[in-house]
Amino acid sequence: GAIDFARRNHELNGTSATFTVTDAFHFVRERSSSNQLVDFLICDPPA
């Protein structure tokens, strides 16, 4: 549901992005183990 809202917000602003529905902990483990690197990462978890 949150990702659907994210799509709509990107559409409102005419900006492009990709969207992934997954557990964040699983995501970072998988990407780091496969050496998929990024320039800038924002990590803003819930409390």
All heavy atoms as atom14 arrays in JSON, in Angstrom:
{
  "sequence": "GAIDFARRNHELNGTSATFTVTDAFHFVRERSSSNQLVDFLICDPPA",
  "atom14_mask": [
    [1, 1, 1, 1, 0, 0, 0, 0, 0, 0, 0, 0, 0, 0],
    [1, 1, 1, 1, 1, 0, 0, 0, 0, 0, 0, 0, 0, 0],
    [1, 1, 1, 1, 1, 1, 1, 1, 0, 0, 0, 0, 0, 0],
    [1, 1, 1, 1, 1, 1, 1, 1, 0, 0, 0, 0, 0, 0],
    [1, 1, 1, 1, 1, 1, 1, 1, 1, 1, 1, 0, 0, 0],
    [1, 1, 1, 1, 1, 0, 0, 0, 0, 0, 0, 0, 0, 0],
    [1, 1, 1, 1, 1, 1, 1, 1, 1, 1, 1, 0, 0, 0],
    [1, 1, 1, 1, 1, 1, 1, 1, 1, 1, 1, 0, 0, 0],
    [1, 1, 1, 1, 1, 1, 1, 1, 0, 0, 0, 0, 0, 0],
    [1, 1, 1, 1, 1, 1, 1, 1, 1, 1, 0, 0, 0, 0],
    [1, 1, 1, 1, 1, 1, 1, 1, 1, 0, 0, 0, 0, 0],
    [1, 1, 1, 1, 1, 1, 1, 1, 0, 0, 0, 0, 0, 0],
    [1, 1, 1, 1, 1, 1, 1, 1, 0, 0, 0, 0, 0, 0],
    [1, 1, 1, 1, 0, 0, 0, 0, 0, 0, 0, 0, 0, 0],
    [1, 1, 1, 1, 1, 1, 1, 0, 0, 0, 0, 0, 0, 0],
    [1, 1, 1, 1, 1, 1, 0, 0, 0, 0, 0, 0, 0, 0],
    [1, 1, 1, 1, 1, 0, 0, 0, 0, 0, 0, 0, 0, 0],
    [1, 1, 1, 1, 1, 1, 1, 0, 0, 0, 0, 0, 0, 0],
    [1, 1, 1, 1, 1, 1, 1, 1, 1, 1, 1, 0, 0, 0],
    [1, 1, 1, 1, 1, 1, 1, 0, 0, 0, 0, 0, 0, 0],
    [1, 1, 1, 1, 1, 1, 1, 0, 0, 0, 0, 0, 0, 0],
    [1, 1, 1, 1, 1, 1, 1, 0, 0, 0, 0, 0, 0, 0],
    [1, 1, 1, 1, 1, 1, 1, 1, 0, 0, 0, 0, 0, 0],
    [1, 1, 1, 1, 1, 0, 0, 0, 0, 0, 0, 0, 0, 0],
    [1, 1, 1, 1, 1, 1, 1, 1, 1, 1, 1, 0, 0, 0],
    [1, 1, 1, 1, 1, 1, 1, 1, 1, 1, 0, 0, 0, 0],
    [1, 1, 1, 1, 1, 1, 1, 1, 1, 1, 1, 0, 0, 0],
    [1, 1, 1, 1, 1, 1, 1, 0, 0, 0, 0, 0, 0, 0],
    [1, 1, 1, 1, 1, 1, 1, 1, 1, 1, 1, 0, 0, 0],
    [1, 1, 1, 1, 1, 1, 1, 1, 1, 0, 0, 0, 0, 0],
    [1, 1, 1, 1, 1, 1, 1, 1, 1, 1, 1, 0, 0, 0],
    [1, 1, 1, 1, 1, 1, 0, 0, 0, 0, 0, 0, 0, 0],
    [1, 1, 1, 1, 1, 1, 0, 0, 0, 0, 0, 0, 0, 0],
    [1, 1, 1, 1, 1, 1, 0, 0, 0, 0, 0, 0, 0, 0],
    [1, 1, 1, 1, 1, 1, 1, 1, 0, 0, 0, 0, 0, 0],
    [1, 1, 1, 1, 1, 1, 1, 1, 1, 0, 0, 0, 0, 0],
    [1, 1, 1, 1, 1, 1, 1, 1, 0, 0, 0, 0, 0, 0],
    [1, 1, 1, 1, 1, 1, 1, 0, 0, 0, 0, 0, 0, 0],
    [1, 1, 1, 1, 1, 1, 1, 1, 0, 0, 0, 0, 0, 0],
    [1, 1, 1, 1, 1, 1, 1, 1, 1, 1, 1, 0, 0, 0],
    [1, 1, 1, 1, 1, 1, 1, 1, 0, 0, 0, 0, 0, 0],
    [1, 1, 1, 1, 1, 1, 1, 1, 0, 0, 0, 0, 0, 0],
    [1, 1, 1, 1, 1, 1, 0, 0, 0, 0, 0, 0, 0, 0],
    [1, 1, 1, 1, 1, 1, 1, 1, 0, 0, 0, 0, 0, 0],
    [1, 1, 1, 1, 1, 1, 1, 0, 0, 0, 0, 0, 0, 0],
    [1, 1, 1, 1, 1, 1, 1, 0, 0, 0, 0, 0, 0, 0],
    [1, 1, 1, 1, 1, 0, 0, 0, 0, 0, 0, 0, 0, 0]
  ],
  "atom14_positions": [
    [[0.81, -1.21, 0.0], [0.0, 0.0, 0.0], [0.85, 1.26, 0.0], [0.55, 2.23, -0.7], [0.0, 0.0, 0.0], [0.0, 0.0, 0.0], [0.0, 0.0, 0.0], [0.0, 0.0, 0.0], [0.0, 0.0, 0.0], [0.0, 0.0, 0.0], [0.0, 0.0, 0.0], [0.0, 0.0, 0.0], [0.0, 0.0, 0.0], [0.0, 0.0, 0.0]],
    [[1.9, 1.25, 0.81], [2.8, 2.41, 0.85], [3.5, 2.6, -0.5], [3.65, 3.72, -0.98], [3.82, 2.24, 1.96], [0.0, 0.0, 0.0], [0.0, 0.0, 0.0], [0.0, 0.0, 0.0], [0.0, 0.0, 0.0], [0.0, 0.0, 0.0], [0.0, 0.0, 0.0], [0.0, 0.0, 0.0], [0.0, 0.0, 0.0], [0.0, 0.0, 0.0]],
    [[3.92, 1.49, -1.1], [4.59, 1.57, -2.4], [3.64, 2.11, -3.46], [4.03, 2.89, -4.34], [5.16, 0.19, -2.8], [6.42, -0.12, -1.98], [5.47, 0.14, -4.28], [7.62, 0.79, -2.26], [0.0, 0.0, 0.0], [0.0, 0.0, 0.0], [0.0, 0.0, 0.0], [0.0, 0.0, 0.0], [0.0, 0.0, 0.0], [0.0, 0.0, 0.0]],
    [[2.36, 1.73, -3.4], [1.38, 2.27, -4.33], [1.27, 3.79, -4.18], [1.2, 4.53, -5.16], [0.02, 1.62, -4.12], [-1.04, 2.14, -5.08], [-0.85, 1.99, -6.3], [-2.05, 2.7, -4.62], [0.0, 0.0, 0.0], [0.0, 0.0, 0.0], [0.0, 0.0, 0.0], [0.0, 0.0, 0.0], [0.0, 0.0, 0.0], [0.0, 0.0, 0.0]],
    [[1.27, 4.26, -2.94], [1.25, 5.7, -2.67], [2.52, 6.36, -3.22], [2.47, 7.47, -3.75], [1.12, 5.96, -1.17], [-0.1, 6.75, -0.8], [-1.34, 6.15, -0.78], [0.0, 8.09, -0.48], [-2.47, 6.88, -0.44], [-1.13, 8.83, -0.14], [-2.37, 8.22, -0.12], [0.0, 0.0, 0.0], [0.0, 0.0, 0.0], [0.0, 0.0, 0.0]],
    [[3.65, 5.68, -3.06], [4.91, 6.22, -3.58], [4.85, 6.4, -5.09], [5.31, 7.41, -5.64], [6.08, 5.31, -3.19], [0.0, 0.0, 0.0], [0.0, 0.0, 0.0], [0.0, 0.0, 0.0], [0.0, 0.0, 0.0], [0.0, 0.0, 0.0], [0.0, 0.0, 0.0], [0.0, 0.0, 0.0], [0.0, 0.0, 0.0], [0.0, 0.0, 0.0]],
    [[4.28, 5.41, -5.78], [4.11, 5.53, -7.24], [3.3, 6.77, -7.59], [3.64, 7.54, -8.51], [3.41, 4.29, -7.79], [4.28, 3.05, -7.92], [3.58, 2.0, -8.78], [4.38, 0.79, -8.86], [4.23, -0.25, -8.06], [3.32, -0.21, -7.1], [4.99, -1.32, -8.2], [0.0, 0.0, 0.0], [0.0, 0.0, 0.0], [0.0, 0.0, 0.0]],
    [[2.2, 6.95, -6.86], [1.32, 8.09, -7.14], [2.03, 9.41, -6.88], [1.84, 10.38, -7.63], [0.05, 7.97, -6.29], [-0.81, 6.77, -6.67], [-1.86, 6.48, -5.62], [-2.88, 7.52, -5.55], [-3.83, 7.56, -4.62], [-3.88, 6.61, -3.68], [-4.72, 8.52, -4.61], [0.0, 0.0, 0.0], [0.0, 0.0, 0.0], [0.0, 0.0, 0.0]],
    [[2.86, 9.47, -5.83], [3.59, 10.71, -5.56], [4.63, 11.0, -6.64], [4.83, 12.16, -7.01], [4.24, 10.62, -4.17], [3.26, 10.86, -3.05], [2.28, 11.59, -3.22], [3.49, 10.25, -1.9], [0.0, 0.0, 0.0], [0.0, 0.0, 0.0], [0.0, 0.0, 0.0], [0.0, 0.0, 0.0], [0.0, 0.0, 0.0], [0.0, 0.0, 0.0]],
    [[5.3, 9.97, -7.13], [6.23, 10.18, -8.24], [5.48, 10.64, -9.49], [5.95, 11.54, -10.21], [7.03, 8.9, -8.52], [8.24, 8.75, -7.66], [9.45, 9.34, -7.96], [8.43, 8.08, -6.5], [10.34, 9.04, -7.03], [9.75, 8.29, -6.12], [0.0, 0.0, 0.0], [0.0, 0.0, 0.0], [0.0, 0.0, 0.0], [0.0, 0.0, 0.0]],
    [[4.31, 10.06, -9.74], [3.52, 10.49, -10.9], [3.08, 11.94, -10.77], [3.08, 12.7, -11.75], [2.29, 9.57, -11.04], [2.63, 8.16, -11.5], [1.46, 7.21, -11.36], [0.37, 7.66, -10.92], [1.62, 6.01, -11.67], [0.0, 0.0, 0.0], [0.0, 0.0, 0.0], [0.0, 0.0, 0.0], [0.0, 0.0, 0.0], [0.0, 0.0, 0.0]],
    [[2.69, 12.34, -9.57], [2.28, 13.73, -9.34], [3.38, 14.72, -9.72], [3.09, 15.83, -10.2], [1.95, 13.93, -7.85], [0.52, 13.75, -7.36], [0.47, 13.99, -5.86], [-0.43, 14.68, -8.08], [0.0, 0.0, 0.0], [0.0, 0.0, 0.0], [0.0, 0.0, 0.0], [0.0, 0.0, 0.0], [0.0, 0.0, 0.0], [0.0, 0.0, 0.0]],
    [[4.62, 14.31, -9.51], [5.75, 15.21, -9.74], [6.48, 14.95, -11.06], [7.49, 15.6, -11.35], [6.74, 15.09, -8.57], [6.16, 15.64, -7.28], [6.14, 16.85, -7.06], [5.65, 14.76, -6.43], [0.0, 0.0, 0.0], [0.0, 0.0, 0.0], [0.0, 0.0, 0.0], [0.0, 0.0, 0.0], [0.0, 0.0, 0.0], [0.0, 0.0, 0.0]],
    [[5.97, 13.98, -11.81], [6.6, 13.68, -13.1], [8.01, 13.14, -12.97], [8.85, 13.35, -13.85], [0.0, 0.0, 0.0], [0.0, 0.0, 0.0], [0.0, 0.0, 0.0], [0.0, 0.0, 0.0], [0.0, 0.0, 0.0], [0.0, 0.0, 0.0], [0.0, 0.0, 0.0], [0.0, 0.0, 0.0], [0.0, 0.0, 0.0], [0.0, 0.0, 0.0]],
    [[8.28, 12.41, -11.89], [9.62, 11.86, -11.66], [9.58, 10.35, -11.81], [8.59, 9.71, -11.48], [10.14, 12.22, -10.26], [9.19, 11.81, -9.26], [10.37, 13.72, -10.14], [0.0, 0.0, 0.0], [0.0, 0.0, 0.0], [0.0, 0.0, 0.0], [0.0, 0.0, 0.0], [0.0, 0.0, 0.0], [0.0, 0.0, 0.0], [0.0, 0.0, 0.0]],
    [[10.65, 9.78, -12.27], [10.71, 8.33, -12.49], [11.44, 7.64, -11.35], [12.33, 8.22, -10.72], [11.41, 8.01, -13.81], [12.74, 8.48, -13.79], [0.0, 0.0, 0.0], [0.0, 0.0, 0.0], [0.0, 0.0, 0.0], [0.0, 0.0, 0.0], [0.0, 0.0, 0.0], [0.0, 0.0, 0.0], [0.0, 0.0, 0.0], [0.0, 0.0, 0.0]],
    [[11.04, 6.39, -11.1], [11.67, 5.6, -10.04], [11.26, 4.15, -10.24], [10.35, 3.84, -11.01], [11.23, 6.09, -8.66], [0.0, 0.0, 0.0], [0.0, 0.0, 0.0], [0.0, 0.0, 0.0], [0.0, 0.0, 0.0], [0.0, 0.0, 0.0], [0.0, 0.0, 0.0], [0.0, 0.0, 0.0], [0.0, 0.0, 0.0], [0.0, 0.0, 0.0]],
    [[11.94, 3.26, -9.55], [11.51, 1.87, -9.46], [11.01, 1.61, -8.05], [11.33, 2.36, -7.12], [12.64, 0.89, -9.81], [13.73, 1.1, -8.91], [13.12, 1.11, -11.25], [0.0, 0.0, 0.0], [0.0, 0.0, 0.0], [0.0, 0.0, 0.0], [0.0, 0.0, 0.0], [0.0, 0.0, 0.0], [0.0, 0.0, 0.0], [0.0, 0.0, 0.0]],
    [[10.22, 0.53, -7.91], [9.54, 0.29, -6.64], [9.66, -1.19, -6.3], [9.36, -2.06, -7.12], [8.06, 0.69, -6.75], [7.88, 2.11, -7.2], [7.77, 2.41, -8.55], [7.84, 3.15, -6.29], [7.61, 3.72, -8.97], [7.69, 4.47, -6.69], [7.58, 4.75, -8.05], [0.0, 0.0, 0.0], [0.0, 0.0, 0.0], [0.0, 0.0, 0.0]],
    [[10.1, -1.46, -5.06], [10.34, -2.82, -4.62], [9.61, -3.08, -3.31], [9.85, -2.37, -2.32], [11.84, -3.09, -4.43], [12.52, -2.83, -5.66], [12.1, -4.52, -4.0], [0.0, 0.0, 0.0], [0.0, 0.0, 0.0], [0.0, 0.0, 0.0], [0.0, 0.0, 0.0], [0.0, 0.0, 0.0], [0.0, 0.0, 0.0], [0.0, 0.0, 0.0]],
    [[8.72, -4.07, -3.32], [8.01, -4.46, -2.1], [8.74, -5.64, -1.49], [8.69, -6.75, -2.01], [6.55, -4.83, -2.4], [5.83, -5.23, -1.1], [5.81, -3.68, -3.06], [0.0, 0.0, 0.0], [0.0, 0.0, 0.0], [0.0, 0.0, 0.0], [0.0, 0.0, 0.0], [0.0, 0.0, 0.0], [0.0, 0.0, 0.0], [0.0, 0.0, 0.0]],
    [[9.45, -5.38, -0.41], [10.2, -6.44, 0.26], [10.61, -5.97, 1.64], [10.58, -4.77, 1.95], [11.45, -6.86, -0.56], [12.02, -8.04, 0.02], [12.5, -5.77, -0.55], [0.0, 0.0, 0.0], [0.0, 0.0, 0.0], [0.0, 0.0, 0.0], [0.0, 0.0, 0.0], [0.0, 0.0, 0.0], [0.0, 0.0, 0.0], [0.0, 0.0, 0.0]],
    [[11.03, -6.91, 2.46], [11.57, -6.59, 3.78], [12.92, -5.89, 3.64], [13.81, -6.39, 2.93], [11.72, -7.87, 4.59], [12.39, -7.63, 5.93], [11.73, -7.1, 6.83], [13.58, -7.95, 6.05], [0.0, 0.0, 0.0], [0.0, 0.0, 0.0], [0.0, 0.0, 0.0], [0.0, 0.0, 0.0], [0.0, 0.0, 0.0], [0.0, 0.0, 0.0]],
    [[13.09, -4.77, 4.27], [14.31, -3.98, 4.11], [15.55, -4.72, 4.59], [16.63, -4.61, 3.98], [14.18, -2.65, 4.84], [0.0, 0.0, 0.0], [0.0, 0.0, 0.0], [0.0, 0.0, 0.0], [0.0, 0.0, 0.0], [0.0, 0.0, 0.0], [0.0, 0.0, 0.0], [0.0, 0.0, 0.0], [0.0, 0.0, 0.0], [0.0, 0.0, 0.0]],
    [[15.43, -5.49, 5.66], [16.58, -6.23, 6.18], [17.03, -7.29, 5.16], [18.22, -7.47, 4.92], [16.23, -6.89, 7.52], [16.07, -5.92, 8.65], [14.85, -5.32, 8.91], [17.15, -5.62, 9.46], [14.71, -4.42, 9.97], [17.03, -4.72, 10.52], [15.8, -4.13, 10.76], [0.0, 0.0, 0.0], [0.0, 0.0, 0.0], [0.0, 0.0, 0.0]],
    [[16.05, -7.97, 4.58], [16.38, -8.95, 3.55], [17.01, -8.27, 2.34], [17.98, -8.77, 1.76], [15.1, -9.69, 3.14], [15.29, -10.61, 1.97], [15.92, -11.83, 2.07], [14.94, -10.48, 0.66], [15.95, -12.41, 0.89], [15.36, -11.61, 0.01], [0.0, 0.0, 0.0], [0.0, 0.0, 0.0], [0.0, 0.0, 0.0], [0.0, 0.0, 0.0]],
    [[16.48, -7.11, 1.98], [16.96, -6.37, 0.81], [18.43, -6.01, 0.93], [19.23, -6.24, 0.01], [16.11, -5.11, 0.63], [16.53, -4.23, -0.51], [16.05, -4.43, -1.8], [17.41, -3.17, -0.3], [16.43, -3.61, -2.85], [17.8, -2.34, -1.34], [17.32, -2.57, -2.62], [0.0, 0.0, 0.0], [0.0, 0.0, 0.0], [0.0, 0.0, 0.0]],
    [[18.82, -5.42, 2.08], [20.22, -4.97, 2.2], [21.18, -6.15, 2.28], [22.3, -6.09, 1.76], [20.41, -4.02, 3.41], [19.7, -2.7, 3.17], [19.95, -4.65, 4.72], [0.0, 0.0, 0.0], [0.0, 0.0, 0.0], [0.0, 0.0, 0.0], [0.0, 0.0, 0.0], [0.0, 0.0, 0.0], [0.0, 0.0, 0.0], [0.0, 0.0, 0.0]],
    [[20.74, -7.23, 2.91], [21.6, -8.43, 2.96], [21.82, -8.99, 1.55], [22.94, -9.31, 1.16], [20.96, -9.5, 3.84], [21.07, -9.24, 5.34], [20.34, -10.31, 6.13], [20.43, -10.08, 7.56], [21.4, -10.53, 8.34], [22.38, -11.25, 7.81], [21.42, -10.27, 9.63], [0.0, 0.0, 0.0], [0.0, 0.0, 0.0], [0.0, 0.0, 0.0]],
    [[20.76, -9.08, 0.79], [20.85, -9.66, -0.55], [21.68, -8.78, -1.48], [22.57, -9.27, -2.2], [19.45, -9.83, -1.13], [19.41, -10.53, -2.47], [17.99, -10.7, -2.97], [17.37, -9.65, -3.29], [17.51, -11.83, -3.02], [0.0, 0.0, 0.0], [0.0, 0.0, 0.0], [0.0, 0.0, 0.0], [0.0, 0.0, 0.0], [0.0, 0.0, 0.0]],
    [[21.41, -7.47, -1.46], [22.14, -6.58, -2.36], [23.61, -6.48, -2.0], [24.47, -6.43, -2.87], [21.5, -5.18, -2.32], [20.14, -5.09, -2.98], [20.22, -5.25, -4.49], [18.92, -5.19, -5.12], [18.35, -4.07, -5.58], [18.99, -2.91, -5.47], [17.17, -4.11, -6.15], [0.0, 0.0, 0.0], [0.0, 0.0, 0.0], [0.0, 0.0, 0.0]],
    [[23.91, -6.45, -0.7], [25.32, -6.35, -0.32], [26.07, -7.64, -0.64], [27.23, -7.6, -1.09], [25.45, -6.02, 1.17], [24.9, -7.05, 1.99], [0.0, 0.0, 0.0], [0.0, 0.0, 0.0], [0.0, 0.0, 0.0], [0.0, 0.0, 0.0], [0.0, 0.0, 0.0], [0.0, 0.0, 0.0], [0.0, 0.0, 0.0], [0.0, 0.0, 0.0]],
    [[25.41, -8.78, -0.49], [26.08, -10.06, -0.78], [26.33, -10.24, -2.27], [27.29, -10.91, -2.67], [25.25, -11.22, -0.23], [24.02, -11.32, -0.93], [0.0, 0.0, 0.0], [0.0, 0.0, 0.0], [0.0, 0.0, 0.0], [0.0, 0.0, 0.0], [0.0, 0.0, 0.0], [0.0, 0.0, 0.0], [0.0, 0.0, 0.0], [0.0, 0.0, 0.0]],
    [[25.48, -9.64, -3.1], [25.68, -9.73, -4.55], [26.45, -8.54, -5.1], [26.56, -8.37, -6.31], [24.32, -9.84, -5.25], [23.5, -8.71, -4.96], [0.0, 0.0, 0.0], [0.0, 0.0, 0.0], [0.0, 0.0, 0.0], [0.0, 0.0, 0.0], [0.0, 0.0, 0.0], [0.0, 0.0, 0.0], [0.0, 0.0, 0.0], [0.0, 0.0, 0.0]],
    [[26.97, -7.71, -4.18], [27.83, -6.58, -4.55], [27.13, -5.59, -5.47], [27.75, -5.0, -6.36], [29.14, -7.07, -5.18], [30.26, -6.06, -5.02], [30.35, -5.37, -4.01], [31.13, -5.96, -6.02], [0.0, 0.0, 0.0], [0.0, 0.0, 0.0], [0.0, 0.0, 0.0], [0.0, 0.0, 0.0], [0.0, 0.0, 0.0], [0.0, 0.0, 0.0]],
    [[25.83, -5.38, -5.25], [25.08, -4.37, -6.01], [25.17, -3.06, -5.22], [24.48, -2.88, -4.22], [23.63, -4.8, -6.2], [23.48, -6.08, -6.99], [22.01, -6.44, -7.22], [21.23, -5.65, -7.73], [21.64, -7.65, -6.82], [0.0, 0.0, 0.0], [0.0, 0.0, 0.0], [0.0, 0.0, 0.0], [0.0, 0.0, 0.0], [0.0, 0.0, 0.0]],
    [[26.03, -2.17, -5.69], [26.38, -0.98, -4.93], [25.59, 0.25, -5.41], [25.08, 0.29, -6.53], [27.88, -0.72, -5.03], [28.79, -1.88, -4.61], [30.26, -1.47, -4.68], [28.43, -2.4, -3.23], [0.0, 0.0, 0.0], [0.0, 0.0, 0.0], [0.0, 0.0, 0.0], [0.0, 0.0, 0.0], [0.0, 0.0, 0.0], [0.0, 0.0, 0.0]],
    [[25.54, 1.24, -4.56], [24.77, 2.45, -4.83], [25.55, 3.66, -4.34], [26.41, 3.54, -3.45], [23.39, 2.36, -4.13], [23.56, 2.38, -2.61], [22.44, 3.44, -4.59], [0.0, 0.0, 0.0], [0.0, 0.0, 0.0], [0.0, 0.0, 0.0], [0.0, 0.0, 0.0], [0.0, 0.0, 0.0], [0.0, 0.0, 0.0], [0.0, 0.0, 0.0]],
    [[25.27, 4.84, -4.91], [25.98, 6.07, -4.53], [25.44, 6.7, -3.26], [26.19, 7.33, -2.5], [25.87, 7.11, -5.67], [26.55, 6.68, -6.94], [27.71, 6.24, -6.87], [25.92, 6.78, -8.02], [0.0, 0.0, 0.0], [0.0, 0.0, 0.0], [0.0, 0.0, 0.0], [0.0, 0.0, 0.0], [0.0, 0.0, 0.0], [0.0, 0.0, 0.0]],
    [[24.12, 6.56, -3.05], [23.48, 7.31, -1.96], [22.31, 6.47, -1.46], [21.42, 6.1, -2.24], [23.0, 8.65, -2.51], [22.48, 9.64, -1.49], [22.58, 9.41, -0.12], [21.89, 10.82, -1.91], [22.11, 10.33, 0.8], [21.41, 11.75, -1.0], [21.52, 11.51, 0.35], [0.0, 0.0, 0.0], [0.0, 0.0, 0.0], [0.0, 0.0, 0.0]],
    [[22.32, 6.16, -0.16], [21.25, 5.36, 0.42], [20.64, 6.11, 1.59], [21.36, 6.62, 2.45], [21.77, 3.99, 0.87], [20.72, 2.97, 1.29], [21.17, 1.55, 0.93], [20.43, 3.03, 2.79], [0.0, 0.0, 0.0], [0.0, 0.0, 0.0], [0.0, 0.0, 0.0], [0.0, 0.0, 0.0], [0.0, 0.0, 0.0], [0.0, 0.0, 0.0]],
    [[19.3, 6.19, 1.62], [18.57, 6.8, 2.73], [17.93, 5.68, 3.53], [17.2, 4.84, 2.97], [17.5, 7.79, 2.25], [18.14, 8.94, 1.47], [16.7, 8.33, 3.42], [17.86, 8.91, 0.01], [0.0, 0.0, 0.0], [0.0, 0.0, 0.0], [0.0, 0.0, 0.0], [0.0, 0.0, 0.0], [0.0, 0.0, 0.0], [0.0, 0.0, 0.0]],
    [[18.18, 5.64, 4.83], [17.65, 4.59, 5.71], [16.84, 5.26, 6.82], [17.41, 5.79, 7.78], [18.8, 3.76, 6.29], [18.27, 2.44, 7.41], [0.0, 0.0, 0.0], [0.0, 0.0, 0.0], [0.0, 0.0, 0.0], [0.0, 0.0, 0.0], [0.0, 0.0, 0.0], [0.0, 0.0, 0.0], [0.0, 0.0, 0.0], [0.0, 0.0, 0.0]],
    [[15.53, 5.27, 6.67], [14.64, 5.95, 7.62], [13.59, 4.96, 8.13], [12.42, 5.02, 7.73], [13.97, 7.15, 6.93], [13.1, 7.96, 7.88], [13.34, 7.9, 9.1], [12.18, 8.65, 7.4], [0.0, 0.0, 0.0], [0.0, 0.0, 0.0], [0.0, 0.0, 0.0], [0.0, 0.0, 0.0], [0.0, 0.0, 0.0], [0.0, 0.0, 0.0]],
    [[13.99, 4.06, 9.03], [13.06, 3.02, 9.48], [12.04, 3.55, 10.48], [12.21, 4.63, 11.06], [14.0, 2.02, 10.16], [15.14, 2.84, 10.65], [15.32, 3.92, 9.62], [0.0, 0.0, 0.0], [0.0, 0.0, 0.0], [0.0, 0.0, 0.0], [0.0, 0.0, 0.0], [0.0, 0.0, 0.0], [0.0, 0.0, 0.0], [0.0, 0.0, 0.0]],
    [[10.97, 2.8, 10.7], [10.04, 3.15, 11.78], [10.71, 2.97, 13.13], [11.81, 2.41, 13.22], [8.89, 2.16, 11.59], [9.52, 0.98, 10.92], [10.58, 1.55, 10.02], [0.0, 0.0, 0.0], [0.0, 0.0, 0.0], [0.0, 0.0, 0.0], [0.0, 0.0, 0.0], [0.0, 0.0, 0.0], [0.0, 0.0, 0.0], [0.0, 0.0, 0.0]],
    [[10.06, 3.45, 14.17], [10.63, 3.34, 15.51], [10.77, 1.87, 15.9], [9.79, 1.13, 15.9], [9.77, 4.08, 16.51], [0.0, 0.0, 0.0], [0.0, 0.0, 0.0], [0.0, 0.0, 0.0], [0.0, 0.0, 0.0], [0.0, 0.0, 0.0], [0.0, 0.0, 0.0], [0.0, 0.0, 0.0], [0.0, 0.0, 0.0], [0.0, 0.0, 0.0]]
  ]
}
